[in-house]
mmCIF file of all heavy atoms, coordinates in Angstrom:
data_MODEL
# 
_entry.id   MODEL 
# 
loop_
_atom_site.group_PDB 
_atom_site.id 
_atom_site.type_symbol 
_atom_site.label_atom_id 
_atom_site.label_alt_id 
_atom_site.label_comp_id 
_atom_site.label_asym_id 
_atom_site.label_entity_id 
_atom_site.label_seq_id 
_atom_site.pdbx_PDB_ins_code 
_atom_site.Cartn_x 
_atom_site.Cartn_y 
_atom_site.Cartn_z 
_atom_site.occupancy 
_atom_site.B_iso_or_equiv 
_atom_site.pdbx_formal_charge 
_atom_site.auth_seq_id 
_atom_site.auth_comp_id 
_atom_site.auth_asym_id 
_atom_site.auth_atom_id 
_atom_site.pdbx_PDB_model_num 
ATOM 1   N N   . ARG A 1 1  ? 3.534  -2.441 4.359   1.00 0.00 ? 1  ARG A N   1 
ATOM 2   C CA  . ARG A 1 1  ? 4.794  -2.544 3.621   1.00 0.00 ? 1  ARG A CA  1 
ATOM 3   C C   . ARG A 1 1  ? 4.504  -2.234 2.149   1.00 0.00 ? 1  ARG A C   1 
ATOM 4   O O   . ARG A 1 1  ? 3.512  -2.704 1.591   1.00 0.00 ? 1  ARG A O   1 
ATOM 5   C CB  . ARG A 1 1  ? 5.427  -3.924 3.753   1.00 0.00 ? 1  ARG A CB  1 
ATOM 6   C CG  . ARG A 1 1  ? 6.021  -4.161 5.154   1.00 0.00 ? 1  ARG A CG  1 
ATOM 7   C CD  . ARG A 1 1  ? 7.161  -3.207 5.432   1.00 0.00 ? 1  ARG A CD  1 
ATOM 8   N NE  . ARG A 1 1  ? 7.693  -3.283 6.773   1.00 0.00 ? 1  ARG A NE  1 
ATOM 9   C CZ  . ARG A 1 1  ? 7.344  -2.489 7.769   1.00 0.00 ? 1  ARG A CZ  1 
ATOM 10  N NH1 . ARG A 1 1  ? 6.402  -1.573 7.573   1.00 0.00 ? 1  ARG A NH1 1 
ATOM 11  N NH2 . ARG A 1 1  ? 7.888  -2.597 8.952   1.00 0.00 ? 1  ARG A NH2 1 
ATOM 12  N N   . ILE A 1 2  ? 5.390  -1.432 1.537   1.00 0.00 ? 2  ILE A N   1 
ATOM 13  C CA  . ILE A 1 2  ? 5.185  -0.944 0.162   1.00 0.00 ? 2  ILE A CA  1 
ATOM 14  C C   . ILE A 1 2  ? 6.430  -1.228 -0.659  1.00 0.00 ? 2  ILE A C   1 
ATOM 15  O O   . ILE A 1 2  ? 7.549  -0.914 -0.226  1.00 0.00 ? 2  ILE A O   1 
ATOM 16  C CB  . ILE A 1 2  ? 4.882  0.582  0.169   1.00 0.00 ? 2  ILE A CB  1 
ATOM 17  C CG1 . ILE A 1 2  ? 3.624  0.869  0.995   1.00 0.00 ? 2  ILE A CG1 1 
ATOM 18  C CG2 . ILE A 1 2  ? 4.705  1.085  -1.263  1.00 0.00 ? 2  ILE A CG2 1 
ATOM 19  C CD1 . ILE A 1 2  ? 3.352  2.348  1.200   1.00 0.00 ? 2  ILE A CD1 1 
ATOM 20  N N   . GLY A 1 3  ? 6.251  -1.809 -1.843  1.00 0.00 ? 3  GLY A N   1 
ATOM 21  C CA  . GLY A 1 3  ? 7.368  -2.199 -2.685  1.00 0.00 ? 3  GLY A CA  1 
ATOM 22  C C   . GLY A 1 3  ? 7.896  -1.080 -3.566  1.00 0.00 ? 3  GLY A C   1 
ATOM 23  O O   . GLY A 1 3  ? 7.558  0.101  -3.407  1.00 0.00 ? 3  GLY A O   1 
ATOM 24  N N   . LYS A 1 4  ? 8.716  -1.476 -4.525  1.00 0.00 ? 4  LYS A N   1 
ATOM 25  C CA  . LYS A 1 4  ? 9.394  -0.537 -5.419  1.00 0.00 ? 4  LYS A CA  1 
ATOM 26  C C   . LYS A 1 4  ? 8.591  -0.296 -6.694  1.00 0.00 ? 4  LYS A C   1 
ATOM 27  O O   . LYS A 1 4  ? 7.803  -1.144 -7.119  1.00 0.00 ? 4  LYS A O   1 
ATOM 28  C CB  . LYS A 1 4  ? 10.776 -1.081 -5.790  1.00 0.00 ? 4  LYS A CB  1 
ATOM 29  C CG  . LYS A 1 4  ? 11.722 -1.264 -4.599  1.00 0.00 ? 4  LYS A CG  1 
ATOM 30  C CD  . LYS A 1 4  ? 13.059 -1.832 -5.052  1.00 0.00 ? 4  LYS A CD  1 
ATOM 31  C CE  . LYS A 1 4  ? 14.007 -1.998 -3.873  1.00 0.00 ? 4  LYS A CE  1 
ATOM 32  N NZ  . LYS A 1 4  ? 15.311 -2.572 -4.296  1.00 0.00 ? 4  LYS A NZ  1 
ATOM 33  N N   . ASN A 1 5  ? 8.833  0.873  -7.293  1.00 0.00 ? 5  ASN A N   1 
ATOM 34  C CA  . ASN A 1 5  ? 8.241  1.223  -8.586  1.00 0.00 ? 5  ASN A CA  1 
ATOM 35  C C   . ASN A 1 5  ? 6.721  1.070  -8.579  1.00 0.00 ? 5  ASN A C   1 
ATOM 36  O O   . ASN A 1 5  ? 6.119  0.623  -9.555  1.00 0.00 ? 5  ASN A O   1 
ATOM 37  C CB  . ASN A 1 5  ? 8.862  0.372  -9.708  1.00 0.00 ? 5  ASN A CB  1 
ATOM 38  C CG  . ASN A 1 5  ? 8.602  0.960  -11.074 1.00 0.00 ? 5  ASN A CG  1 
ATOM 39  O OD1 . ASN A 1 5  ? 8.617  2.177  -11.254 1.00 0.00 ? 5  ASN A OD1 1 
ATOM 40  N ND2 . ASN A 1 5  ? 8.356  0.095  -12.048 1.00 0.00 ? 5  ASN A ND2 1 
ATOM 41  N N   . THR A 1 6  ? 6.124  1.457  -7.486  1.00 0.00 ? 6  THR A N   1 
ATOM 42  C CA  . THR A 1 6  ? 4.675  1.357  -7.295  1.00 0.00 ? 6  THR A CA  1 
ATOM 43  C C   . THR A 1 6  ? 4.064  2.750  -7.302  1.00 0.00 ? 6  THR A C   1 
ATOM 44  O O   . THR A 1 6  ? 4.694  3.705  -6.861  1.00 0.00 ? 6  THR A O   1 
ATOM 45  C CB  . THR A 1 6  ? 4.381  0.605  -5.978  1.00 0.00 ? 6  THR A CB  1 
ATOM 46  O OG1 . THR A 1 6  ? 4.570  -0.786 -6.194  1.00 0.00 ? 6  THR A OG1 1 
ATOM 47  C CG2 . THR A 1 6  ? 2.993  0.856  -5.450  1.00 0.00 ? 6  THR A CG2 1 
ATOM 48  N N   . PHE A 1 7  ? 2.852  2.858  -7.824  1.00 0.00 ? 7  PHE A N   1 
ATOM 49  C CA  . PHE A 1 7  ? 2.130  4.134  -7.857  1.00 0.00 ? 7  PHE A CA  1 
ATOM 50  C C   . PHE A 1 7  ? 0.821  3.995  -7.121  1.00 0.00 ? 7  PHE A C   1 
ATOM 51  O O   . PHE A 1 7  ? 0.021  3.103  -7.425  1.00 0.00 ? 7  PHE A O   1 
ATOM 52  C CB  . PHE A 1 7  ? 1.877  4.589  -9.292  1.00 0.00 ? 7  PHE A CB  1 
ATOM 53  C CG  . PHE A 1 7  ? 1.046  5.850  -9.384  1.00 0.00 ? 7  PHE A CG  1 
ATOM 54  C CD1 . PHE A 1 7  ? 1.587  7.076  -9.043  1.00 0.00 ? 7  PHE A CD1 1 
ATOM 55  C CD2 . PHE A 1 7  ? -0.281 5.781  -9.764  1.00 0.00 ? 7  PHE A CD2 1 
ATOM 56  C CE1 . PHE A 1 7  ? 0.828  8.236  -9.099  1.00 0.00 ? 7  PHE A CE1 1 
ATOM 57  C CE2 . PHE A 1 7  ? -1.057 6.937  -9.832  1.00 0.00 ? 7  PHE A CE2 1 
ATOM 58  C CZ  . PHE A 1 7  ? -0.496 8.162  -9.495  1.00 0.00 ? 7  PHE A CZ  1 
ATOM 59  N N   . ILE A 1 8  ? 0.594  4.872  -6.145  1.00 0.00 ? 8  ILE A N   1 
ATOM 60  C CA  . ILE A 1 8  ? -0.651 4.880  -5.369  1.00 0.00 ? 8  ILE A CA  1 
ATOM 61  C C   . ILE A 1 8  ? -1.285 6.246  -5.546  1.00 0.00 ? 8  ILE A C   1 
ATOM 62  O O   . ILE A 1 8  ? -0.711 7.271  -5.160  1.00 0.00 ? 8  ILE A O   1 
ATOM 63  C CB  . ILE A 1 8  ? -0.382 4.595  -3.883  1.00 0.00 ? 8  ILE A CB  1 
ATOM 64  C CG1 . ILE A 1 8  ? 0.295  3.234  -3.713  1.00 0.00 ? 8  ILE A CG1 1 
ATOM 65  C CG2 . ILE A 1 8  ? -1.686 4.644  -3.082  1.00 0.00 ? 8  ILE A CG2 1 
ATOM 66  C CD1 . ILE A 1 8  ? 0.720  2.915  -2.289  1.00 0.00 ? 8  ILE A CD1 1 
ATOM 67  N N   . ASN A 1 9  ? -2.473 6.272  -6.133  1.00 0.00 ? 9  ASN A N   1 
ATOM 68  C CA  . ASN A 1 9  ? -3.133 7.533  -6.433  1.00 0.00 ? 9  ASN A CA  1 
ATOM 69  C C   . ASN A 1 9  ? -3.841 8.098  -5.197  1.00 0.00 ? 9  ASN A C   1 
ATOM 70  O O   . ASN A 1 9  ? -3.807 7.516  -4.124  1.00 0.00 ? 9  ASN A O   1 
ATOM 71  C CB  . ASN A 1 9  ? -4.118 7.333  -7.598  1.00 0.00 ? 9  ASN A CB  1 
ATOM 72  C CG  . ASN A 1 9  ? -4.215 8.544  -8.500  1.00 0.00 ? 9  ASN A CG  1 
ATOM 73  O OD1 . ASN A 1 9  ? -4.218 9.676  -8.038  1.00 0.00 ? 9  ASN A OD1 1 
ATOM 74  N ND2 . ASN A 1 9  ? -4.323 8.311  -9.795  1.00 0.00 ? 9  ASN A ND2 1 
ATOM 75  N N   . HIS A 1 10 ? -4.531 9.236  -5.398  1.00 0.00 ? 10 HIS A N   1 
ATOM 76  C CA  . HIS A 1 10 ? -5.142 9.974  -4.302  1.00 0.00 ? 10 HIS A CA  1 
ATOM 77  C C   . HIS A 1 10 ? -6.116 9.134  -3.483  1.00 0.00 ? 10 HIS A C   1 
ATOM 78  O O   . HIS A 1 10 ? -6.833 8.294  -4.008  1.00 0.00 ? 10 HIS A O   1 
ATOM 79  C CB  . HIS A 1 10 ? -5.927 11.179 -4.848  1.00 0.00 ? 10 HIS A CB  1 
ATOM 80  C CG  . HIS A 1 10 ? -5.097 12.153 -5.604  1.00 0.00 ? 10 HIS A CG  1 
ATOM 81  N ND1 . HIS A 1 10 ? -4.239 13.039 -5.016  1.00 0.00 ? 10 HIS A ND1 1 
ATOM 82  C CD2 . HIS A 1 10 ? -4.988 12.372 -6.940  1.00 0.00 ? 10 HIS A CD2 1 
ATOM 83  C CE1 . HIS A 1 10 ? -3.640 13.781 -5.950  1.00 0.00 ? 10 HIS A CE1 1 
ATOM 84  N NE2 . HIS A 1 10 ? -4.074 13.392 -7.115  1.00 0.00 ? 10 HIS A NE2 1 
ATOM 85  N N   . ALA A 1 11 ? -6.142 9.404  -2.163  1.00 0.00 ? 11 ALA A N   1 
ATOM 86  C CA  . ALA A 1 11 ? -7.196 8.936  -1.254  1.00 0.00 ? 11 ALA A CA  1 
ATOM 87  C C   . ALA A 1 11 ? -7.224 7.437  -1.070  1.00 0.00 ? 11 ALA A C   1 
ATOM 88  O O   . ALA A 1 11 ? -8.293 6.848  -0.854  1.00 0.00 ? 11 ALA A O   1 
ATOM 89  C CB  . ALA A 1 11 ? -8.570 9.442  -1.707  1.00 0.00 ? 11 ALA A CB  1 
ATOM 90  N N   . CYS A 1 12 ? -6.051 6.810  -1.097  1.00 0.00 ? 12 CYS A N   1 
ATOM 91  C CA  . CYS A 1 12 ? -5.974 5.386  -0.752  1.00 0.00 ? 12 CYS A CA  1 
ATOM 92  C C   . CYS A 1 12 ? -6.141 5.247  0.759   1.00 0.00 ? 12 CYS A C   1 
ATOM 93  O O   . CYS A 1 12 ? -5.566 6.005  1.545   1.00 0.00 ? 12 CYS A O   1 
ATOM 94  C CB  . CYS A 1 12 ? -4.638 4.805  -1.180  1.00 0.00 ? 12 CYS A CB  1 
ATOM 95  S SG  . CYS A 1 12 ? -4.442 3.050  -0.770  1.00 0.00 ? 12 CYS A SG  1 
ATOM 96  N N   . SER A 1 13 ? -6.931 4.273  1.183   1.00 0.00 ? 13 SER A N   1 
ATOM 97  C CA  . SER A 1 13 ? -7.156 4.010  2.599   1.00 0.00 ? 13 SER A CA  1 
ATOM 98  C C   . SER A 1 13 ? -6.645 2.620  2.929   1.00 0.00 ? 13 SER A C   1 
ATOM 99  O O   . SER A 1 13 ? -7.106 1.626  2.368   1.00 0.00 ? 13 SER A O   1 
ATOM 100 C CB  . SER A 1 13 ? -8.647 4.117  2.928   1.00 0.00 ? 13 SER A CB  1 
ATOM 101 O OG  . SER A 1 13 ? -8.871 3.883  4.298   1.00 0.00 ? 13 SER A OG  1 
ATOM 102 N N   . CYS A 1 14 ? -5.654 2.561  3.841   1.00 0.00 ? 14 CYS A N   1 
ATOM 103 C CA  . CYS A 1 14 ? -5.100 1.293  4.300   1.00 0.00 ? 14 CYS A CA  1 
ATOM 104 C C   . CYS A 1 14 ? -5.501 1.073  5.754   1.00 0.00 ? 14 CYS A C   1 
ATOM 105 O O   . CYS A 1 14 ? -4.945 1.713  6.659   1.00 0.00 ? 14 CYS A O   1 
ATOM 106 C CB  . CYS A 1 14 ? -3.583 1.297  4.188   1.00 0.00 ? 14 CYS A CB  1 
ATOM 107 S SG  . CYS A 1 14 ? -2.953 1.021  2.530   1.00 0.00 ? 14 CYS A SG  1 
ATOM 108 N N   . VAL A 1 15 ? -6.464 0.213  5.966   1.00 0.00 ? 15 VAL A N   1 
ATOM 109 C CA  . VAL A 1 15 ? -6.885 -0.165 7.320   1.00 0.00 ? 15 VAL A CA  1 
ATOM 110 C C   . VAL A 1 15 ? -6.022 -1.376 7.678   1.00 0.00 ? 15 VAL A C   1 
ATOM 111 O O   . VAL A 1 15 ? -6.318 -2.498 7.281   1.00 0.00 ? 15 VAL A O   1 
ATOM 112 C CB  . VAL A 1 15 ? -8.386 -0.470 7.354   1.00 0.00 ? 15 VAL A CB  1 
ATOM 113 C CG1 . VAL A 1 15 ? -8.840 -0.779 8.766   1.00 0.00 ? 15 VAL A CG1 1 
ATOM 114 C CG2 . VAL A 1 15 ? -9.183 0.703  6.781   1.00 0.00 ? 15 VAL A CG2 1 
ATOM 115 N N   . ASP A 1 16 ? -4.930 -1.114 8.409   1.00 0.00 ? 16 ASP A N   1 
ATOM 116 C CA  . ASP A 1 16 ? -3.807 -2.044 8.353   1.00 0.00 ? 16 ASP A CA  1 
ATOM 117 C C   . ASP A 1 16 ? -3.488 -2.829 9.629   1.00 0.00 ? 16 ASP A C   1 
ATOM 118 O O   . ASP A 1 16 ? -2.438 -3.463 9.705   1.00 0.00 ? 16 ASP A O   1 
ATOM 119 C CB  . ASP A 1 16 ? -2.541 -1.300 7.923   1.00 0.00 ? 16 ASP A CB  1 
ATOM 120 C CG  . ASP A 1 16 ? -1.992 -0.363 8.996   1.00 0.00 ? 16 ASP A CG  1 
ATOM 121 O OD1 . ASP A 1 16 ? -2.701 0.598  9.344   1.00 0.00 ? 16 ASP A OD1 1 
ATOM 122 O OD2 . ASP A 1 16 ? -0.869 -0.595 9.468   1.00 0.00 ? 16 ASP A OD2 1 
ATOM 123 N N   . MET A 1 17 ? -4.372 -2.845 10.614  1.00 0.00 ? 17 MET A N   1 
ATOM 124 C CA  . MET A 1 17 ? -4.030 -3.604 11.820  1.00 0.00 ? 17 MET A CA  1 
ATOM 125 C C   . MET A 1 17 ? -3.810 -5.085 11.525  1.00 0.00 ? 17 MET A C   1 
ATOM 126 O O   . MET A 1 17 ? -3.040 -5.762 12.194  1.00 0.00 ? 17 MET A O   1 
ATOM 127 C CB  . MET A 1 17 ? -5.101 -3.431 12.887  1.00 0.00 ? 17 MET A CB  1 
ATOM 128 C CG  . MET A 1 17 ? -5.070 -2.049 13.527  1.00 0.00 ? 17 MET A CG  1 
ATOM 129 S SD  . MET A 1 17 ? -6.129 -1.965 14.979  1.00 0.00 ? 17 MET A SD  1 
ATOM 130 C CE  . MET A 1 17 ? -6.033 -0.197 15.316  1.00 0.00 ? 17 MET A CE  1 
ATOM 131 N N   . GLY A 1 18 ? -4.490 -5.605 10.491  1.00 0.00 ? 18 GLY A N   1 
ATOM 132 C CA  . GLY A 1 18 ? -4.295 -6.983 10.095  1.00 0.00 ? 18 GLY A CA  1 
ATOM 133 C C   . GLY A 1 18 ? -3.176 -7.180 9.088   1.00 0.00 ? 18 GLY A C   1 
ATOM 134 O O   . GLY A 1 18 ? -2.887 -8.318 8.703   1.00 0.00 ? 18 GLY A O   1 
ATOM 135 N N   . GLY A 1 19 ? -2.530 -6.088 8.674   1.00 0.00 ? 19 GLY A N   1 
ATOM 136 C CA  . GLY A 1 19 ? -1.404 -6.177 7.746   1.00 0.00 ? 19 GLY A CA  1 
ATOM 137 C C   . GLY A 1 19 ? -1.797 -5.901 6.309   1.00 0.00 ? 19 GLY A C   1 
ATOM 138 O O   . GLY A 1 19 ? -2.752 -6.496 5.796   1.00 0.00 ? 19 GLY A O   1 
ATOM 139 N N   . VAL A 1 20 ? -1.088 -4.972 5.666   1.00 0.00 ? 20 VAL A N   1 
ATOM 140 C CA  . VAL A 1 20 ? -1.267 -4.664 4.247   1.00 0.00 ? 20 VAL A CA  1 
ATOM 141 C C   . VAL A 1 20 ? 0.102  -4.660 3.579   1.00 0.00 ? 20 VAL A C   1 
ATOM 142 O O   . VAL A 1 20 ? 0.981  -3.888 3.981   1.00 0.00 ? 20 VAL A O   1 
ATOM 143 C CB  . VAL A 1 20 ? -1.961 -3.302 4.045   1.00 0.00 ? 20 VAL A CB  1 
ATOM 144 C CG1 . VAL A 1 20 ? -1.985 -2.935 2.551   1.00 0.00 ? 20 VAL A CG1 1 
ATOM 145 C CG2 . VAL A 1 20 ? -3.369 -3.299 4.613   1.00 0.00 ? 20 VAL A CG2 1 
ATOM 146 N N   . THR A 1 21 ? 0.271  -5.509 2.597   1.00 0.00 ? 21 THR A N   1 
ATOM 147 C CA  . THR A 1 21 ? 1.529  -5.594 1.844   1.00 0.00 ? 21 THR A CA  1 
ATOM 148 C C   . THR A 1 21 ? 1.249  -5.283 0.386   1.00 0.00 ? 21 THR A C   1 
ATOM 149 O O   . THR A 1 21 ? 0.399  -5.925 -0.233  1.00 0.00 ? 21 THR A O   1 
ATOM 150 C CB  . THR A 1 21 ? 2.162  -6.989 1.965   1.00 0.00 ? 21 THR A CB  1 
ATOM 151 O OG1 . THR A 1 21 ? 2.450  -7.254 3.348   1.00 0.00 ? 21 THR A OG1 1 
ATOM 152 C CG2 . THR A 1 21 ? 3.464  -7.056 1.164   1.00 0.00 ? 21 THR A CG2 1 
ATOM 153 N N   . ILE A 1 22 ? 1.953  -4.283 -0.140  1.00 0.00 ? 22 ILE A N   1 
ATOM 154 C CA  . ILE A 1 22 ? 1.823  -3.861 -1.533  1.00 0.00 ? 22 ILE A CA  1 
ATOM 155 C C   . ILE A 1 22 ? 3.149  -4.148 -2.214  1.00 0.00 ? 22 ILE A C   1 
ATOM 156 O O   . ILE A 1 22 ? 4.208  -3.690 -1.770  1.00 0.00 ? 22 ILE A O   1 
ATOM 157 C CB  . ILE A 1 22 ? 1.481  -2.368 -1.621  1.00 0.00 ? 22 ILE A CB  1 
ATOM 158 C CG1 . ILE A 1 22 ? 0.145  -2.085 -0.896  1.00 0.00 ? 22 ILE A CG1 1 
ATOM 159 C CG2 . ILE A 1 22 ? 1.396  -1.901 -3.072  1.00 0.00 ? 22 ILE A CG2 1 
ATOM 160 C CD1 . ILE A 1 22 ? -0.148 -0.612 -0.691  1.00 0.00 ? 22 ILE A CD1 1 
ATOM 161 N N   . GLY A 1 23 ? 3.125  -4.920 -3.289  1.00 0.00 ? 23 GLY A N   1 
ATOM 162 C CA  . GLY A 1 23 ? 4.350  -5.375 -3.929  1.00 0.00 ? 23 GLY A CA  1 
ATOM 163 C C   . GLY A 1 23 ? 5.005  -4.361 -4.832  1.00 0.00 ? 23 GLY A C   1 
ATOM 164 O O   . GLY A 1 23 ? 4.751  -3.148 -4.735  1.00 0.00 ? 23 GLY A O   1 
ATOM 165 N N   . ASN A 1 24 ? 5.824  -4.857 -5.738  1.00 0.00 ? 24 ASN A N   1 
ATOM 166 C CA  . ASN A 1 24 ? 6.552  -4.035 -6.695  1.00 0.00 ? 24 ASN A CA  1 
ATOM 167 C C   . ASN A 1 24 ? 5.734  -3.833 -7.969  1.00 0.00 ? 24 ASN A C   1 
ATOM 168 O O   . ASN A 1 24 ? 4.945  -4.699 -8.362  1.00 0.00 ? 24 ASN A O   1 
ATOM 169 C CB  . ASN A 1 24 ? 7.885  -4.697 -7.059  1.00 0.00 ? 24 ASN A CB  1 
ATOM 170 C CG  . ASN A 1 24 ? 8.767  -4.945 -5.857  1.00 0.00 ? 24 ASN A CG  1 
ATOM 171 O OD1 . ASN A 1 24 ? 8.903  -4.104 -4.981  1.00 0.00 ? 24 ASN A OD1 1 
ATOM 172 N ND2 . ASN A 1 24 ? 9.373  -6.134 -5.800  1.00 0.00 ? 24 ASN A ND2 1 
# 
């Protein structure tokens, strides 16, 4: 899950079976 007004630069890796939450 990804929030608002967020910036994610190149080559981010989300290994997410356990859940990844990125806020605002």
